[in-house]
Amino acid sequence: GGSGRELDLRERLATILLVGLQGAGKTTTAAKLAYRLAREGRRPLLVSADPRRPAAAEQLAALGASIDIPVHREPAGTAVAEIGRRAREAARRRGLDVLIVDSSGRTTLDDELLVELRELREATQPRERLLVLDAATGQQALRVAEGFRSVVDPTGAILAKIDGDARGGAALTVAGGSGIPVVFMGTGERPEALERFYPDRIARRILDLGDLATLNELVAEHAAQRDRKSTRLNSSHVALS
């Protein structure tokens, strides 16, 4: 039941903190979210707040470059709180209005990670704290959600990899069991493969009844892109003539 919720991005520099276990698709999701917000007219900055895994920052930098979104990086070993503060300063200097923080990932929710997340939350003061879950997690999603609730109190969840075998059982587990509303779903590898979550639509998918509303939205979006491209080409021809 219910309806999909909007992100609260009213602050002049709106900060979104992404949390989740390693392998859930958090870094890819951060780039997809930045891409989506940029298409909506926002000016996002991505930042990797993983002080121990340079590969995580490199992955985010590569993803940012592929979608033309700036990425803020700090030297390996920099404390997460300092990474967060410097990223906020960098975003303000560059006139950007959304900061998306990709936090550390671990295979388990250990004490060290909890301390880092608490420090990062205090340093960045994110209004939105989104838990990224692998859609194939299933019933374990509730346990993961409860673990993160104690330190970051997630305002919403993003289901990644819902294009695979899982049809969204984690959505029901999280939304129903923990009370954390699902905001987006990752439906593929491409940057634009991040959809708004609507309870009635995911219910139809789970029941194999299809999702015509989302299909209609995709068709409308492609048509709008085609019209914009056509307008640019016509303007170029006029200028040349």
C-alpha atoms as a PDB file:
ATOM      1  CA  GLY A   1       0.000   0.000   0.000  1.00  0.00           C
ATOM      2  CA  GLY A   2       0.919   3.666   0.044  1.00  0.00           C
ATOM      3  CA  SER A   3       2.706   5.638  -2.648  1.00  0.00           C
ATOM      4  CA  GLY A   4       6.317   6.305  -3.600  1.00  0.00           C
ATOM      5  CA  ARG A   5       7.975   9.117  -1.640  1.00  0.00           C
ATOM      6  CA  GLU A   6      10.091  12.006  -2.891  1.00  0.00           C
ATOM      7  CA  LEU A   7      13.578  12.744  -1.592  1.00  0.00           C
ATOM      8  CA  ASP A   8      13.831  15.741   0.719  1.00  0.00           C
ATOM      9  CA  LEU A   9      16.354  17.967  -1.067  1.00  0.00           C
ATOM     10  CA  ARG A  10      15.199  21.359   0.172  1.00  0.00           C
ATOM     11  CA  GLU A  11      18.507  22.360   1.749  1.00  0.00           C
ATOM     12  CA  ARG A  12      20.801  24.645  -0.212  1.00  0.00           C
ATOM     13  CA  LEU A  13      23.366  21.837  -0.180  1.00  0.00           C
ATOM     14  CA  ALA A  14      21.279  18.720   0.186  1.00  0.00           C
ATOM     15  CA  THR A  15      23.321  15.764   1.424  1.00  0.00           C
ATOM     16  CA  ILE A  16      22.451  12.133   0.729  1.00  0.00           C
ATOM     17  CA  LEU A  17      24.333   9.412   2.615  1.00  0.00           C
ATOM     18  CA  LEU A  18      24.294   5.949   1.050  1.00  0.00           C
ATOM     19  CA  VAL A  19      24.966   3.001   3.357  1.00  0.00           C
ATOM     20  CA  GLY A  20      24.994  -0.737   2.806  1.00  0.00           C
ATOM     21  CA  LEU A  21      27.043  -3.897   2.938  1.00  0.00           C
ATOM     22  CA  GLN A  22      29.851  -4.605   0.492  1.00  0.00           C
ATOM     23  CA  GLY A  23      28.547  -6.105  -2.741  1.00  0.00           C
ATOM     24  CA  ALA A  24      25.070  -4.602  -2.486  1.00  0.00           C
ATOM     25  CA  GLY A  25      25.735  -2.268  -5.425  1.00  0.00           C
ATOM     26  CA  LYS A  26      26.125   0.917  -3.393  1.00  0.00           C
ATOM     27  CA  THR A  27      28.791   2.630  -5.531  1.00  0.00           C
ATOM     28  CA  THR A  28      26.970   1.939  -8.796  1.00  0.00           C
ATOM     29  CA  THR A  29      23.750   3.134  -7.192  1.00  0.00           C
ATOM     30  CA  ALA A  30      25.432   6.378  -6.098  1.00  0.00           C
ATOM     31  CA  ALA A  31      26.357   7.122  -9.709  1.00  0.00           C
ATOM     32  CA  LYS A  32      22.854   6.230 -10.949  1.00  0.00           C
ATOM     33  CA  LEU A  33      21.289   8.524  -8.368  1.00  0.00           C
ATOM     34  CA  ALA A  34      23.606  11.385  -9.344  1.00  0.00           C
ATOM     35  CA  TYR A  35      22.742  10.831 -13.011  1.00  0.00           C
ATOM     36  CA  ARG A  36      19.012  10.878 -12.263  1.00  0.00           C
ATOM     37  CA  LEU A  37      19.228  14.057 -10.177  1.00  0.00           C
ATOM     38  CA  ALA A  38      21.336  15.765 -12.856  1.00  0.00           C
ATOM     39  CA  ARG A  39      18.642  15.008 -15.440  1.00  0.00           C
ATOM     40  CA  GLU A  40      16.139  16.620 -13.073  1.00  0.00           C
ATOM     41  CA  GLY A  41      18.166  19.834 -13.072  1.00  0.00           C
ATOM     42  CA  ARG A  42      20.241  19.353  -9.919  1.00  0.00           C
ATOM     43  CA  ARG A  43      24.027  19.764  -9.725  1.00  0.00           C
ATOM     44  CA  PRO A  44      25.399  16.784  -7.777  1.00  0.00           C
ATOM     45  CA  LEU A  45      28.856  15.987  -6.429  1.00  0.00           C
ATOM     46  CA  LEU A  46      29.860  12.400  -5.701  1.00  0.00           C
ATOM     47  CA  VAL A  47      32.309  11.519  -2.935  1.00  0.00           C
ATOM     48  CA  SER A  48      33.810   8.211  -1.854  1.00  0.00           C
ATOM     49  CA  ALA A  49      34.073   8.034   1.930  1.00  0.00           C
ATOM     50  CA  ASP A  50      35.918   4.728   2.153  1.00  0.00           C
ATOM     51  CA  PRO A  51      39.322   5.461   3.732  1.00  0.00           C
ATOM     52  CA  ARG A  52      40.713   1.941   3.317  1.00  0.00           C
ATOM     53  CA  ARG A  53      39.732   0.834  -0.180  1.00  0.00           C
ATOM     54  CA  PRO A  54      41.290   3.026  -2.904  1.00  0.00           C
ATOM     55  CA  ALA A  55      39.561   0.801  -5.452  1.00  0.00           C
ATOM     56  CA  ALA A  56      36.194   2.090  -4.239  1.00  0.00           C
ATOM     57  CA  ALA A  57      37.196   5.687  -4.948  1.00  0.00           C
ATOM     58  CA  GLU A  58      38.634   4.693  -8.319  1.00  0.00           C
ATOM     59  CA  GLN A  59      35.416   2.915  -9.268  1.00  0.00           C
ATOM     60  CA  LEU A  60      33.330   5.939  -8.315  1.00  0.00           C
ATOM     61  CA  ALA A  61      35.685   8.263 -10.226  1.00  0.00           C
ATOM     62  CA  ALA A  62      35.347   6.111 -13.349  1.00  0.00           C
ATOM     63  CA  LEU A  63      31.569   6.013 -13.043  1.00  0.00           C
ATOM     64  CA  GLY A  64      31.414   9.773 -12.498  1.00  0.00           C
ATOM     65  CA  ALA A  65      33.547  10.426 -15.578  1.00  0.00           C
ATOM     66  CA  SER A  66      31.306   8.196 -17.699  1.00  0.00           C
ATOM     67  CA  ILE A  67      28.211  10.270 -16.837  1.00  0.00           C
ATOM     68  CA  ASP A  68      29.930  13.664 -16.601  1.00  0.00           C
ATOM     69  CA  ILE A  69      29.359  14.043 -12.844  1.00  0.00           C
ATOM     70  CA  PRO A  70      32.196  15.493 -10.701  1.00  0.00           C
ATOM     71  CA  VAL A  71      33.718  13.258  -8.018  1.00  0.00           C
ATOM     72  CA  HIS A  72      35.550  14.474  -4.914  1.00  0.00           C
ATOM     73  CA  ARG A  73      38.446  12.336  -3.674  1.00  0.00           C
ATOM     74  CA  GLU A  74      40.735  12.465  -0.649  1.00  0.00           C
ATOM     75  CA  PRO A  75      44.001  10.568  -0.055  1.00  0.00           C
ATOM     76  CA  ALA A  76      43.715   7.010   1.247  1.00  0.00           C
ATOM     77  CA  GLY A  77      43.660   6.923   5.022  1.00  0.00           C
ATOM     78  CA  THR A  78      41.848  10.238   5.460  1.00  0.00           C
ATOM     79  CA  ALA A  79      39.345  10.009   8.316  1.00  0.00           C
ATOM     80  CA  VAL A  80      35.765   9.680   7.114  1.00  0.00           C
ATOM     81  CA  ALA A  81      34.613  12.747   9.053  1.00  0.00           C
ATOM     82  CA  GLU A  82      37.296  14.825   7.351  1.00  0.00           C
ATOM     83  CA  ILE A  83      36.341  13.416   3.949  1.00  0.00           C
ATOM     84  CA  GLY A  84      32.753  14.471   4.567  1.00  0.00           C
ATOM     85  CA  ARG A  85      33.633  17.987   5.714  1.00  0.00           C
ATOM     86  CA  ARG A  86      36.016  18.619   2.827  1.00  0.00           C
ATOM     87  CA  ALA A  87      33.495  17.285   0.308  1.00  0.00           C
ATOM     88  CA  ARG A  88      30.836  19.691   1.602  1.00  0.00           C
ATOM     89  CA  GLU A  89      33.295  22.584   1.323  1.00  0.00           C
ATOM     90  CA  ALA A  90      34.209  21.524  -2.225  1.00  0.00           C
ATOM     91  CA  ALA A  91      30.549  21.320  -3.258  1.00  0.00           C
ATOM     92  CA  ARG A  92      29.865  24.832  -1.989  1.00  0.00           C
ATOM     93  CA  ARG A  93      32.959  26.253  -3.701  1.00  0.00           C
ATOM     94  CA  ARG A  94      31.852  24.768  -7.013  1.00  0.00           C
ATOM     95  CA  GLY A  95      28.271  25.981  -6.677  1.00  0.00           C
ATOM     96  CA  LEU A  96      26.808  22.462  -6.558  1.00  0.00           C
ATOM     97  CA  ASP A  97      23.586  21.731  -4.713  1.00  0.00           C
ATOM     98  CA  VAL A  98      23.568  17.988  -3.928  1.00  0.00           C
ATOM     99  CA  LEU A  99      26.271  15.931  -2.207  1.00  0.00           C
ATOM    100  CA  ILE A 100      26.012  12.152  -2.569  1.00  0.00           C
ATOM    101  CA  VAL A 101      28.237  10.309  -0.094  1.00  0.00           C
ATOM    102  CA  ASP A 102      29.217   6.716  -0.884  1.00  0.00           C
ATOM    103  CA  SER A 103      30.151   5.296   2.530  1.00  0.00           C
ATOM    104  CA  SER A 104      32.411   2.358   3.382  1.00  0.00           C
ATOM    105  CA  GLY A 105      31.215  -1.141   2.680  1.00  0.00           C
ATOM    106  CA  ARG A 106      31.931  -4.284   4.683  1.00  0.00           C
ATOM    107  CA  THR A 107      30.857  -7.877   4.288  1.00  0.00           C
ATOM    108  CA  THR A 108      29.326  -7.644   7.766  1.00  0.00           C
ATOM    109  CA  LEU A 109      28.056  -4.800   9.920  1.00  0.00           C
ATOM    110  CA  ASP A 110      30.965  -4.690  12.387  1.00  0.00           C
ATOM    111  CA  ASP A 111      31.733  -2.215  15.181  1.00  0.00           C
ATOM    112  CA  GLU A 112      34.379  -0.406  13.133  1.00  0.00           C
ATOM    113  CA  LEU A 113      31.912   0.314  10.341  1.00  0.00           C
ATOM    114  CA  LEU A 114      29.287   1.519  12.804  1.00  0.00           C
ATOM    115  CA  VAL A 115      31.770   3.995  14.310  1.00  0.00           C
ATOM    116  CA  GLU A 116      32.713   5.282  10.839  1.00  0.00           C
ATOM    117  CA  LEU A 117      29.091   5.735   9.823  1.00  0.00           C
ATOM    118  CA  ARG A 118      28.273   7.583  13.036  1.00  0.00           C
ATOM    119  CA  GLU A 119      31.208   9.970  12.495  1.00  0.00           C
ATOM    120  CA  LEU A 120      30.296  10.463   8.837  1.00  0.00           C
ATOM    121  CA  ARG A 121      26.685  11.236   9.679  1.00  0.00           C
ATOM    122  CA  GLU A 122      27.723  13.818  12.291  1.00  0.00           C
ATOM    123  CA  ALA A 123      30.160  15.461   9.846  1.00  0.00           C
ATOM    124  CA  THR A 124      27.794  15.699   6.870  1.00  0.00           C
ATOM    125  CA  GLN A 125      24.373  16.030   8.556  1.00  0.00           C
ATOM    126  CA  PRO A 126      22.528  14.218   5.735  1.00  0.00           C
ATOM    127  CA  ARG A 127      18.795  14.799   5.586  1.00  0.00           C
ATOM    128  CA  GLU A 128      18.462  11.675   3.453  1.00  0.00           C
ATOM    129  CA  ARG A 129      20.150   8.452   4.593  1.00  0.00           C
ATOM    130  CA  LEU A 130      19.464   5.699   2.086  1.00  0.00           C
ATOM    131  CA  LEU A 131      20.127   2.018   2.693  1.00  0.00           C
ATOM    132  CA  VAL A 132      21.183   0.147  -0.459  1.00  0.00           C
ATOM    133  CA  LEU A 133      20.115  -3.502  -0.491  1.00  0.00           C
ATOM    134  CA  ASP A 134      20.686  -6.267  -2.995  1.00  0.00           C
ATOM    135  CA  ALA A 135      17.183  -7.282  -4.107  1.00  0.00           C
ATOM    136  CA  ALA A 136      18.227 -10.932  -3.875  1.00  0.00           C
ATOM    137  CA  THR A 137      18.868 -10.558  -0.134  1.00  0.00           C
ATOM    138  CA  GLY A 138      15.320 -11.675   0.652  1.00  0.00           C
ATOM    139  CA  GLN A 139      14.373 -12.153   4.275  1.00  0.00           C
ATOM    140  CA  GLN A 140      17.887 -11.226   5.452  1.00  0.00           C
ATOM    141  CA  ALA A 141      17.134  -7.671   4.348  1.00  0.00           C
ATOM    142  CA  LEU A 142      15.227  -7.078   7.564  1.00  0.00           C
ATOM    143  CA  ARG A 143      18.211  -8.035   9.713  1.00  0.00           C
ATOM    144  CA  VAL A 144      20.515  -5.776   7.661  1.00  0.00           C
ATOM    145  CA  ALA A 145      18.042  -2.902   7.889  1.00  0.00           C
ATOM    146  CA  GLU A 146      17.752  -3.227  11.656  1.00  0.00           C
ATOM    147  CA  GLY A 147      21.537  -3.234  11.997  1.00  0.00           C
ATOM    148  CA  PHE A 148      21.928   0.045  10.120  1.00  0.00           C
ATOM    149  CA  ARG A 149      18.940   1.604  11.872  1.00  0.00           C
ATOM    150  CA  SER A 150      20.805   1.762  15.170  1.00  0.00           C
ATOM    151  CA  VAL A 151      23.461   4.124  13.839  1.00  0.00           C
ATOM    152  CA  VAL A 152      22.155   6.009  10.796  1.00  0.00           C
ATOM    153  CA  ASP A 153      18.358   5.630  11.084  1.00  0.00           C
ATOM    154  CA  PRO A 154      17.753   5.230   7.321  1.00  0.00           C
ATOM    155  CA  THR A 155      15.130   7.530   5.820  1.00  0.00           C
ATOM    156  CA  GLY A 156      14.642   5.226   2.867  1.00  0.00           C
ATOM    157  CA  ALA A 157      15.976   2.235   0.946  1.00  0.00           C
ATOM    158  CA  ILE A 158      17.136   1.548  -2.593  1.00  0.00           C
ATOM    159  CA  LEU A 159      16.813  -1.967  -4.003  1.00  0.00           C
ATOM    160  CA  ALA A 160      19.721  -2.724  -6.333  1.00  0.00           C
ATOM    161  CA  LYS A 161      19.900  -5.538  -8.897  1.00  0.00           C
ATOM    162  CA  ILE A 162      16.172  -6.041  -9.085  1.00  0.00           C
ATOM    163  CA  ASP A 163      16.665  -6.899 -12.761  1.00  0.00           C
ATOM    164  CA  GLY A 164      17.951 -10.342 -11.803  1.00  0.00           C
ATOM    165  CA  ASP A 165      16.094 -13.364 -10.509  1.00  0.00           C
ATOM    166  CA  ALA A 166      14.766 -11.534  -7.455  1.00  0.00           C
ATOM    167  CA  ARG A 167      11.455  -9.809  -8.111  1.00  0.00           C
ATOM    168  CA  GLY A 168      11.380  -7.597  -5.084  1.00  0.00           C
ATOM    169  CA  GLY A 169      10.738  -9.748  -2.046  1.00  0.00           C
ATOM    170  CA  ALA A 170      13.246  -7.568  -0.191  1.00  0.00           C
ATOM    171  CA  ALA A 171      10.963  -4.599  -0.848  1.00  0.00           C
ATOM    172  CA  LEU A 172       8.155  -6.220   1.073  1.00  0.00           C
ATOM    173  CA  THR A 173      10.514  -7.340   3.826  1.00  0.00           C
ATOM    174  CA  VAL A 174      12.038  -3.899   4.359  1.00  0.00           C
ATOM    175  CA  ALA A 175       8.935  -1.769   3.913  1.00  0.00           C
ATOM    176  CA  GLY A 176       6.702  -4.068   5.901  1.00  0.00           C
ATOM    177  CA  GLY A 177       9.056  -5.342   8.574  1.00  0.00           C
ATOM    178  CA  SER A 178      11.283  -2.368   9.353  1.00  0.00           C
ATOM    179  CA  GLY A 179       9.092   0.523   8.257  1.00  0.00           C
ATOM    180  CA  ILE A 180      11.863   1.922   6.038  1.00  0.00           C
ATOM    181  CA  PRO A 181      10.200   3.125   2.807  1.00  0.00           C
ATOM    182  CA  VAL A 182      11.708   1.970  -0.469  1.00  0.00           C
ATOM    183  CA  VAL A 183      12.472   4.997  -2.654  1.00  0.00           C
ATOM    184  CA  PHE A 184      14.201   3.644  -5.785  1.00  0.00           C
ATOM    185  CA  MET A 185      14.952   0.370  -7.577  1.00  0.00           C
ATOM    186  CA  GLY A 186      18.017  -0.445  -9.653  1.00  0.00           C
ATOM    187  CA  THR A 187      16.780  -2.237 -12.764  1.00  0.00           C
ATOM    188  CA  GLY A 188      19.917  -2.684 -14.864  1.00  0.00           C
ATOM    189  CA  GLU A 189      23.528  -1.671 -15.467  1.00  0.00           C
ATOM    190  CA  ARG A 190      22.964   1.509 -17.467  1.00  0.00           C
ATOM    191  CA  PRO A 191      23.125   4.910 -15.678  1.00  0.00           C
ATOM    192  CA  GLU A 192      19.426   5.562 -16.264  1.00  0.00           C
ATOM    193  CA  ALA A 193      18.391   2.187 -14.803  1.00  0.00           C
ATOM    194  CA  LEU A 194      17.151   3.618 -11.511  1.00  0.00           C
ATOM    195  CA  GLU A 195      13.379   3.761 -11.180  1.00  0.00           C
ATOM    196  CA  ARG A 196      11.115   5.355  -8.604  1.00  0.00           C
ATOM    197  CA  PHE A 197       9.516   2.772  -6.342  1.00  0.00           C
ATOM    198  CA  TYR A 198       5.736   2.426  -6.379  1.00  0.00           C
ATOM    199  CA  PRO A 199       4.231  -0.269  -4.121  1.00  0.00           C
ATOM    200  CA  ASP A 200       1.416  -1.184  -6.497  1.00  0.00           C
ATOM    201  CA  ARG A 201       3.802  -1.616  -9.412  1.00  0.00           C
ATOM    202  CA  ILE A 202       6.240  -3.872  -7.545  1.00  0.00           C
ATOM    203  CA  ALA A 203       3.271  -5.932  -6.347  1.00  0.00           C
ATOM    204  CA  ARG A 204       2.243  -6.494  -9.966  1.00  0.00           C
ATOM    205  CA  ARG A 205       5.787  -7.514 -10.879  1.00  0.00           C
ATOM    206  CA  ILE A 206       5.963  -9.990  -8.022  1.00  0.00           C
ATOM    207  CA  LEU A 207       2.660 -11.486  -9.171  1.00  0.00           C
ATOM    208  CA  ASP A 208       3.841 -11.559 -12.818  1.00  0.00           C
ATOM    209  CA  LEU A 209       1.071  -9.155 -13.856  1.00  0.00           C
ATOM    210  CA  GLY A 210       3.397  -6.731 -15.623  1.00  0.00           C
ATOM    211  CA  ASP A 211       3.996  -3.028 -15.065  1.00  0.00           C
ATOM    212  CA  LEU A 212       2.395  -0.961 -17.822  1.00  0.00           C
ATOM    213  CA  ALA A 213       2.704   2.330 -15.922  1.00  0.00           C
ATOM    214  CA  THR A 214       6.514   2.162 -15.816  1.00  0.00           C
ATOM    215  CA  LEU A 215       6.588   1.066 -19.463  1.00  0.00           C
ATOM    216  CA  ASN A 216       4.503   4.104 -20.427  1.00  0.00           C
ATOM    217  CA  GLU A 217       6.883   6.381 -18.511  1.00  0.00           C
ATOM    218  CA  LEU A 218       9.905   4.918 -20.319  1.00  0.00           C
ATOM    219  CA  VAL A 219       8.243   5.374 -23.711  1.00  0.00           C
ATOM    220  CA  ALA A 220       7.353   8.989 -22.860  1.00  0.00           C
ATOM    221  CA  GLU A 221      10.908   9.694 -21.705  1.00  0.00           C
ATOM    222  CA  HIS A 222      12.440   8.293 -24.904  1.00  0.00           C
ATOM    223  CA  ALA A 223       9.994  10.338 -26.985  1.00  0.00           C
ATOM    224  CA  ALA A 224      10.970  13.506 -25.098  1.00  0.00           C
ATOM    225  CA  GLN A 225      14.676  12.798 -25.670  1.00  0.00           C
ATOM    226  CA  ARG A 226      14.021  12.277 -29.383  1.00  0.00           C
ATOM    227  CA  ASP A 227      12.122  15.574 -29.600  1.00  0.00           C
ATOM    228  CA  ARG A 228      14.936  17.459 -27.827  1.00  0.00           C
ATOM    229  CA  LYS A 229      17.488  15.949 -30.194  1.00  0.00           C
ATOM    230  CA  SER A 230      15.348  16.902 -33.198  1.00  0.00           C
ATOM    231  CA  THR A 231      15.024  20.478 -31.910  1.00  0.00           C
ATOM    232  CA  ARG A 232      18.816  20.781 -31.542  1.00  0.00           C
ATOM    233  CA  LEU A 233      19.372  19.474 -35.079  1.00  0.00           C
ATOM    234  CA  ASN A 234      16.840  21.906 -36.547  1.00  0.00           C
ATOM    235  CA  SER A 235      18.485  24.794 -34.697  1.00  0.00           C
ATOM    236  CA  SER A 236      21.867  23.768 -36.110  1.00  0.00           C
ATOM    237  CA  HIS A 237      20.484  23.705 -39.655  1.00  0.00           C
ATOM    238  CA  VAL A 238      18.992  27.178 -39.250  1.00  0.00           C
ATOM    239  CA  ALA A 239      22.300  28.518 -37.948  1.00  0.00           C
ATOM    240  CA  LEU A 240      24.215  27.011 -40.877  1.00  0.00           C
ATOM    241  CA  SER A 241      21.790  28.396 -43.447  1.00  0.00           C
END
